[in-house]
């Protein structure tokens, strides 16, 4: 890969893209693992699983909403 002098913004954009690519790969790996575990969850525990995962999703959605408010939806302009 060619190394050339670029602005800090370009370097930060590339670094962020690299992080996203790694996280997307990790997400795929975790989804495969989750499918494996879910295939072993007893039927009588599926409602509990759904209840707990909905709680987790709600908390994470709230954290994301708070971040977006703080960042003004444009974290690169902070």
Protein backbone atom coordinates (compact mmCIF):
# COMPACT_ATOMS: atom_id res chain seq x y z
CA UNK A 1 0.00 0.00 0.00
CA UNK A 2 1.25 3.41 -0.93
CA UNK A 3 2.08 5.70 2.00
CA UNK A 4 1.42 9.29 1.16
CA UNK A 5 1.09 12.42 3.19
CA UNK A 6 -2.57 13.05 3.88
CA UNK A 7 -4.49 15.21 6.29
CA UNK A 8 -5.32 14.16 9.83
CA UNK A 9 -8.96 13.95 8.76
CA UNK A 10 -8.15 11.38 6.08
CA UNK A 11 -6.09 9.33 8.53
CA UNK A 12 -8.91 9.44 11.10
CA UNK A 13 -11.47 8.45 8.48
CA UNK A 14 -9.31 5.47 7.45
CA UNK A 15 -8.77 4.45 11.08
CA UNK A 16 -12.50 4.63 11.74
CA UNK A 17 -13.25 2.59 8.62
CA UNK A 18 -10.73 -0.03 9.76
CA UNK A 19 -12.45 -0.22 13.16
CA UNK A 20 -15.82 -0.66 11.48
CA UNK A 21 -14.52 -3.42 9.20
CA UNK A 22 -13.06 -5.29 12.17
CA UNK A 23 -16.26 -4.88 14.18
CA UNK A 24 -18.37 -6.11 11.26
CA UNK A 25 -16.20 -9.23 11.02
CA UNK A 26 -16.43 -9.76 14.78
CA UNK A 27 -20.21 -9.26 14.63
CA UNK A 28 -20.50 -11.99 12.00
CA UNK A 29 -18.45 -14.34 14.17
CA UNK A 30 -20.58 -13.59 17.23
CA UNK A 31 -23.82 -14.08 15.30
CA UNK A 32 -22.64 -17.56 14.27
CA UNK A 33 -21.79 -18.30 17.92
CA UNK A 34 -25.17 -16.98 19.07
CA UNK A 35 -27.03 -19.19 16.58
CA UNK A 36 -25.16 -22.16 18.02
CA UNK A 37 -26.14 -21.31 21.59
CA UNK A 38 -29.73 -20.53 20.62
CA UNK A 39 -30.10 -23.92 18.99
CA UNK A 40 -29.44 -25.42 22.44
CA UNK A 41 -31.78 -23.19 24.50
CA UNK A 42 -34.67 -25.28 25.85
CA UNK A 43 -38.07 -24.33 24.45
CA UNK A 44 -39.41 -23.51 27.91
CA UNK A 45 -36.66 -20.88 28.35
CA UNK A 46 -37.16 -19.01 25.06
CA UNK A 47 -39.58 -16.49 26.62
CA UNK A 48 -36.98 -15.68 29.27
CA UNK A 49 -34.32 -15.25 26.57
CA UNK A 50 -36.57 -12.85 24.64
CA UNK A 51 -37.39 -10.87 27.81
CA UNK A 52 -33.72 -10.44 28.75
CA UNK A 53 -32.58 -9.57 25.24
CA UNK A 54 -35.32 -6.96 24.91
CA UNK A 55 -34.10 -5.38 28.17
CA UNK A 56 -30.53 -5.35 26.85
CA UNK A 57 -31.64 -3.85 23.51
CA UNK A 58 -33.62 -1.09 25.27
CA UNK A 59 -30.60 -0.14 27.42
CA UNK A 60 -28.26 -0.10 24.42
CA UNK A 61 -30.73 1.93 22.34
CA UNK A 62 -30.89 4.47 25.17
CA UNK A 63 -27.09 4.69 25.30
CA UNK A 64 -26.96 5.27 21.55
CA UNK A 65 -29.66 7.95 21.73
CA UNK A 66 -27.70 9.72 24.49
CA UNK A 67 -24.52 9.59 22.43
CA UNK A 68 -26.29 10.99 19.37
CA UNK A 69 -27.71 13.87 21.43
CA UNK A 70 -24.29 14.69 22.93
CA UNK A 71 -22.53 14.41 19.60
CA UNK A 72 -25.11 16.48 17.79
CA UNK A 73 -25.20 13.62 15.28
CA UNK A 74 -21.85 14.82 13.95
CA UNK A 75 -19.05 13.48 16.18
CA UNK A 76 -16.38 14.51 13.66
CA UNK A 77 -17.26 18.19 14.24
CA UNK A 78 -16.84 18.14 18.03
